[in-house]
């Protein structure tokens, strides 16, 4: 679990999920777009499987770009494509 923001911006869970998904869609990797996003009172959980550590970092960066994300629970796994 990673704390991301000290200033708390109040967004509904649905709005927070939507904003994080928008950031994921802006990333160039189709795999990153398939990561599941859940929000609960400023805590965002990312869940899914990607094929590289770089893609995992893109997911984390997507959350850092969204005001209102207070804590990130990273459940994204990197799976080998071999």
N, C-alpha and C. Protein backbone atom coordinates (compact mmCIF):
# COMPACT_ATOMS: atom_id res chain seq x y z
N UNK A 1 0.85 -1.17 0.00
CA UNK A 1 0.00 0.00 0.00
C UNK A 1 0.90 1.23 0.00
N UNK A 2 0.52 2.20 -0.81
CA UNK A 2 1.32 3.41 -0.97
C UNK A 2 0.45 4.62 -0.73
N UNK A 3 0.88 5.53 0.13
CA UNK A 3 0.17 6.79 0.31
C UNK A 3 0.63 7.76 -0.76
N UNK A 4 -0.34 8.42 -1.42
CA UNK A 4 0.01 9.28 -2.54
C UNK A 4 -0.20 10.75 -2.29
N UNK A 5 -1.18 11.11 -1.49
CA UNK A 5 -1.49 12.53 -1.34
C UNK A 5 -1.75 12.87 0.11
N UNK A 6 -1.27 14.04 0.48
CA UNK A 6 -1.57 14.53 1.81
C UNK A 6 -2.84 15.35 1.80
N UNK A 7 -3.05 16.14 0.73
CA UNK A 7 -4.27 16.92 0.59
C UNK A 7 -5.36 16.03 0.02
N UNK A 8 -6.44 15.95 0.71
CA UNK A 8 -7.51 15.06 0.30
C UNK A 8 -8.55 15.82 -0.50
N UNK A 9 -8.78 15.41 -1.72
CA UNK A 9 -9.84 15.96 -2.56
C UNK A 9 -10.95 14.93 -2.54
N UNK A 10 -12.13 15.35 -2.16
CA UNK A 10 -13.23 14.41 -2.03
C UNK A 10 -13.94 14.21 -3.36
N UNK A 11 -13.83 13.01 -3.87
CA UNK A 11 -14.56 12.58 -5.05
C UNK A 11 -15.33 11.33 -4.67
N UNK A 12 -16.43 11.10 -5.34
CA UNK A 12 -17.14 9.86 -5.08
C UNK A 12 -16.27 8.70 -5.57
N UNK A 13 -16.51 7.51 -5.04
CA UNK A 13 -15.74 6.34 -5.46
C UNK A 13 -15.86 6.14 -6.96
N UNK A 14 -17.05 6.31 -7.47
CA UNK A 14 -17.29 6.13 -8.90
C UNK A 14 -16.48 7.14 -9.73
N UNK A 15 -16.47 8.40 -9.30
CA UNK A 15 -15.71 9.43 -10.02
C UNK A 15 -14.21 9.15 -9.96
N UNK A 16 -13.74 8.70 -8.82
CA UNK A 16 -12.33 8.38 -8.67
C UNK A 16 -11.94 7.22 -9.59
N UNK A 17 -12.75 6.18 -9.61
CA UNK A 17 -12.50 5.05 -10.51
C UNK A 17 -12.47 5.52 -11.96
N UNK A 18 -13.42 6.38 -12.32
CA UNK A 18 -13.51 6.89 -13.68
C UNK A 18 -12.26 7.69 -14.06
N UNK A 19 -11.80 8.54 -13.16
CA UNK A 19 -10.61 9.36 -13.43
C UNK A 19 -9.36 8.49 -13.60
N UNK A 20 -9.23 7.46 -12.78
CA UNK A 20 -8.08 6.57 -12.91
C UNK A 20 -8.17 5.80 -14.22
N UNK A 21 -9.37 5.32 -14.58
CA UNK A 21 -9.53 4.62 -15.86
C UNK A 21 -9.17 5.50 -17.04
N UNK A 22 -9.54 6.77 -16.98
CA UNK A 22 -9.17 7.71 -18.05
C UNK A 22 -7.65 7.78 -18.18
N UNK A 23 -6.97 7.86 -17.05
CA UNK A 23 -5.50 7.90 -17.08
C UNK A 23 -4.93 6.60 -17.66
N UNK A 24 -5.54 5.46 -17.33
CA UNK A 24 -5.07 4.19 -17.88
C UNK A 24 -5.31 4.13 -19.39
N UNK A 25 -6.44 4.65 -19.83
CA UNK A 25 -6.74 4.66 -21.27
C UNK A 25 -5.76 5.53 -22.04
N UNK A 26 -5.24 6.57 -21.39
CA UNK A 26 -4.27 7.45 -22.03
C UNK A 26 -2.90 6.79 -22.20
N UNK A 27 -2.67 5.70 -21.50
CA UNK A 27 -1.40 4.99 -21.64
C UNK A 27 -1.43 4.21 -22.95
N UNK A 28 -0.29 4.00 -23.54
CA UNK A 28 -0.23 3.40 -24.88
C UNK A 28 -0.40 1.88 -24.89
N UNK A 29 -0.32 1.24 -23.78
CA UNK A 29 -0.37 -0.21 -23.74
C UNK A 29 -1.80 -0.72 -23.52
N UNK A 30 -2.25 -1.59 -24.42
CA UNK A 30 -3.60 -2.16 -24.30
C UNK A 30 -3.73 -3.01 -23.04
N UNK A 31 -2.64 -3.66 -22.63
CA UNK A 31 -2.68 -4.51 -21.43
C UNK A 31 -3.00 -3.68 -20.20
N UNK A 32 -2.42 -2.50 -20.10
CA UNK A 32 -2.65 -1.62 -18.95
C UNK A 32 -4.12 -1.22 -18.86
N UNK A 33 -4.75 -1.08 -19.99
CA UNK A 33 -6.17 -0.68 -20.02
C UNK A 33 -7.09 -1.74 -19.44
N UNK A 34 -6.60 -2.95 -19.31
CA UNK A 34 -7.42 -4.05 -18.81
C UNK A 34 -7.33 -4.22 -17.29
N UNK A 35 -6.56 -3.40 -16.64
CA UNK A 35 -6.42 -3.46 -15.18
C UNK A 35 -7.73 -3.00 -14.54
N UNK A 36 -8.18 -3.72 -13.54
CA UNK A 36 -9.42 -3.40 -12.83
C UNK A 36 -9.14 -2.34 -11.77
N UNK A 37 -10.01 -1.34 -11.71
CA UNK A 37 -9.86 -0.23 -10.77
C UNK A 37 -11.05 -0.22 -9.81
N UNK A 38 -10.77 -0.22 -8.53
CA UNK A 38 -11.80 -0.10 -7.49
C UNK A 38 -11.39 1.00 -6.53
N UNK A 39 -12.35 1.83 -6.14
CA UNK A 39 -12.06 2.91 -5.20
C UNK A 39 -12.97 2.79 -3.98
N UNK A 40 -12.40 3.18 -2.84
CA UNK A 40 -13.16 3.18 -1.59
C UNK A 40 -12.61 4.30 -0.71
N UNK A 41 -13.32 5.41 -0.67
CA UNK A 41 -12.97 6.55 0.19
C UNK A 41 -11.53 7.03 -0.01
N UNK A 42 -11.11 7.19 -1.26
CA UNK A 42 -9.78 7.69 -1.54
C UNK A 42 -8.71 6.63 -1.71
N UNK A 43 -9.06 5.39 -1.36
CA UNK A 43 -8.14 4.28 -1.56
C UNK A 43 -8.48 3.60 -2.87
N UNK A 44 -7.51 3.56 -3.78
CA UNK A 44 -7.71 2.93 -5.08
C UNK A 44 -6.94 1.62 -5.11
N UNK A 45 -7.64 0.56 -5.53
CA UNK A 45 -7.02 -0.74 -5.69
C UNK A 45 -6.93 -1.05 -7.17
N UNK A 46 -5.73 -1.39 -7.62
CA UNK A 46 -5.52 -1.82 -9.00
C UNK A 46 -5.28 -3.32 -8.97
N UNK A 47 -5.98 -4.04 -9.83
CA UNK A 47 -5.87 -5.50 -9.83
C UNK A 47 -5.82 -5.98 -11.28
N UNK A 48 -4.92 -6.89 -11.54
CA UNK A 48 -4.81 -7.46 -12.87
C UNK A 48 -3.42 -7.98 -13.13
N UNK A 49 -3.19 -8.37 -14.37
CA UNK A 49 -1.91 -8.93 -14.76
C UNK A 49 -1.40 -8.19 -15.99
N UNK A 50 -0.15 -7.81 -15.96
CA UNK A 50 0.51 -7.16 -17.09
C UNK A 50 1.73 -8.00 -17.47
N UNK A 51 2.35 -7.67 -18.59
CA UNK A 51 3.45 -8.51 -19.07
C UNK A 51 4.83 -7.93 -18.80
N UNK A 52 4.89 -6.76 -18.17
CA UNK A 52 6.21 -6.19 -17.86
C UNK A 52 6.13 -5.28 -16.64
N UNK A 53 7.29 -5.10 -16.02
CA UNK A 53 7.36 -4.19 -14.88
C UNK A 53 7.05 -2.77 -15.33
N UNK A 54 7.46 -2.42 -16.55
CA UNK A 54 7.17 -1.09 -17.09
C UNK A 54 5.66 -0.83 -17.13
N UNK A 55 4.89 -1.82 -17.56
CA UNK A 55 3.44 -1.67 -17.60
C UNK A 55 2.86 -1.50 -16.20
N UNK A 56 3.43 -2.21 -15.25
CA UNK A 56 3.00 -2.07 -13.86
C UNK A 56 3.26 -0.64 -13.38
N UNK A 57 4.42 -0.09 -13.73
CA UNK A 57 4.75 1.29 -13.36
C UNK A 57 3.79 2.28 -14.03
N UNK A 58 3.37 2.02 -15.26
CA UNK A 58 2.38 2.88 -15.92
C UNK A 58 1.08 2.93 -15.13
N UNK A 59 0.68 1.80 -14.58
CA UNK A 59 -0.54 1.75 -13.76
C UNK A 59 -0.39 2.62 -12.51
N UNK A 60 0.73 2.51 -11.86
CA UNK A 60 0.97 3.29 -10.64
C UNK A 60 1.01 4.77 -10.98
N UNK A 61 1.69 5.12 -12.07
CA UNK A 61 1.74 6.52 -12.50
C UNK A 61 0.35 7.08 -12.82
N UNK A 62 -0.50 6.25 -13.38
CA UNK A 62 -1.87 6.69 -13.70
C UNK A 62 -2.57 7.15 -12.42
N UNK A 63 -2.36 6.44 -11.33
CA UNK A 63 -2.99 6.81 -10.06
C UNK A 63 -2.39 8.10 -9.50
N UNK A 64 -1.12 8.27 -9.67
CA UNK A 64 -0.46 9.48 -9.15
C UNK A 64 -0.94 10.74 -9.85
N UNK A 65 -1.48 10.59 -11.04
CA UNK A 65 -1.95 11.74 -11.82
C UNK A 65 -3.35 12.19 -11.43
N UNK A 66 -4.02 11.43 -10.59
CA UNK A 66 -5.42 11.71 -10.26
C UNK A 66 -5.54 12.34 -8.88
N UNK A 67 -5.99 13.59 -8.82
CA UNK A 67 -6.25 14.21 -7.52
C UNK A 67 -7.37 13.44 -6.80
N UNK A 68 -7.19 13.23 -5.53
CA UNK A 68 -8.20 12.52 -4.75
C UNK A 68 -7.78 11.11 -4.39
N UNK A 69 -6.76 10.59 -5.08
CA UNK A 69 -6.24 9.27 -4.71
C UNK A 69 -5.32 9.47 -3.52
N UNK A 70 -5.74 8.94 -2.38
CA UNK A 70 -4.98 9.10 -1.15
C UNK A 70 -4.04 7.92 -0.95
N UNK A 71 -4.53 6.73 -1.22
CA UNK A 71 -3.76 5.51 -1.02
C UNK A 71 -3.95 4.60 -2.22
N UNK A 72 -2.87 3.93 -2.60
CA UNK A 72 -2.93 2.97 -3.70
C UNK A 72 -2.62 1.58 -3.17
N UNK A 73 -3.49 0.65 -3.46
CA UNK A 73 -3.24 -0.76 -3.16
C UNK A 73 -2.91 -1.40 -4.50
N UNK A 74 -1.67 -1.79 -4.65
CA UNK A 74 -1.17 -2.33 -5.91
C UNK A 74 -1.24 -3.85 -5.89
N UNK A 75 -2.22 -4.39 -6.61
CA UNK A 75 -2.34 -5.84 -6.74
C UNK A 75 -2.12 -6.26 -8.20
N UNK A 76 -1.36 -5.45 -8.91
CA UNK A 76 -1.03 -5.75 -10.30
C UNK A 76 0.18 -6.68 -10.30
N UNK A 77 0.04 -7.78 -11.01
CA UNK A 77 1.11 -8.76 -11.08
C UNK A 77 1.75 -8.74 -12.46
N UNK A 78 3.03 -9.02 -12.49
CA UNK A 78 3.75 -9.11 -13.75
C UNK A 78 3.89 -10.60 -14.10
N UNK A 79 3.34 -10.96 -15.24
CA UNK A 79 3.41 -12.36 -15.69
C UNK A 79 4.36 -12.45 -16.87
N UNK A 80 5.16 -13.47 -16.85
CA UNK A 80 6.08 -13.68 -17.96
C UNK A 80 5.30 -14.11 -19.18
N UNK A 81 5.70 -13.63 -20.35
CA UNK A 81 5.00 -14.02 -21.57
C UNK A 81 5.62 -15.25 -22.20
N UNK A 82 6.62 -15.82 -21.56
CA UNK A 82 7.27 -17.04 -22.07
C UNK A 82 6.64 -18.26 -21.49
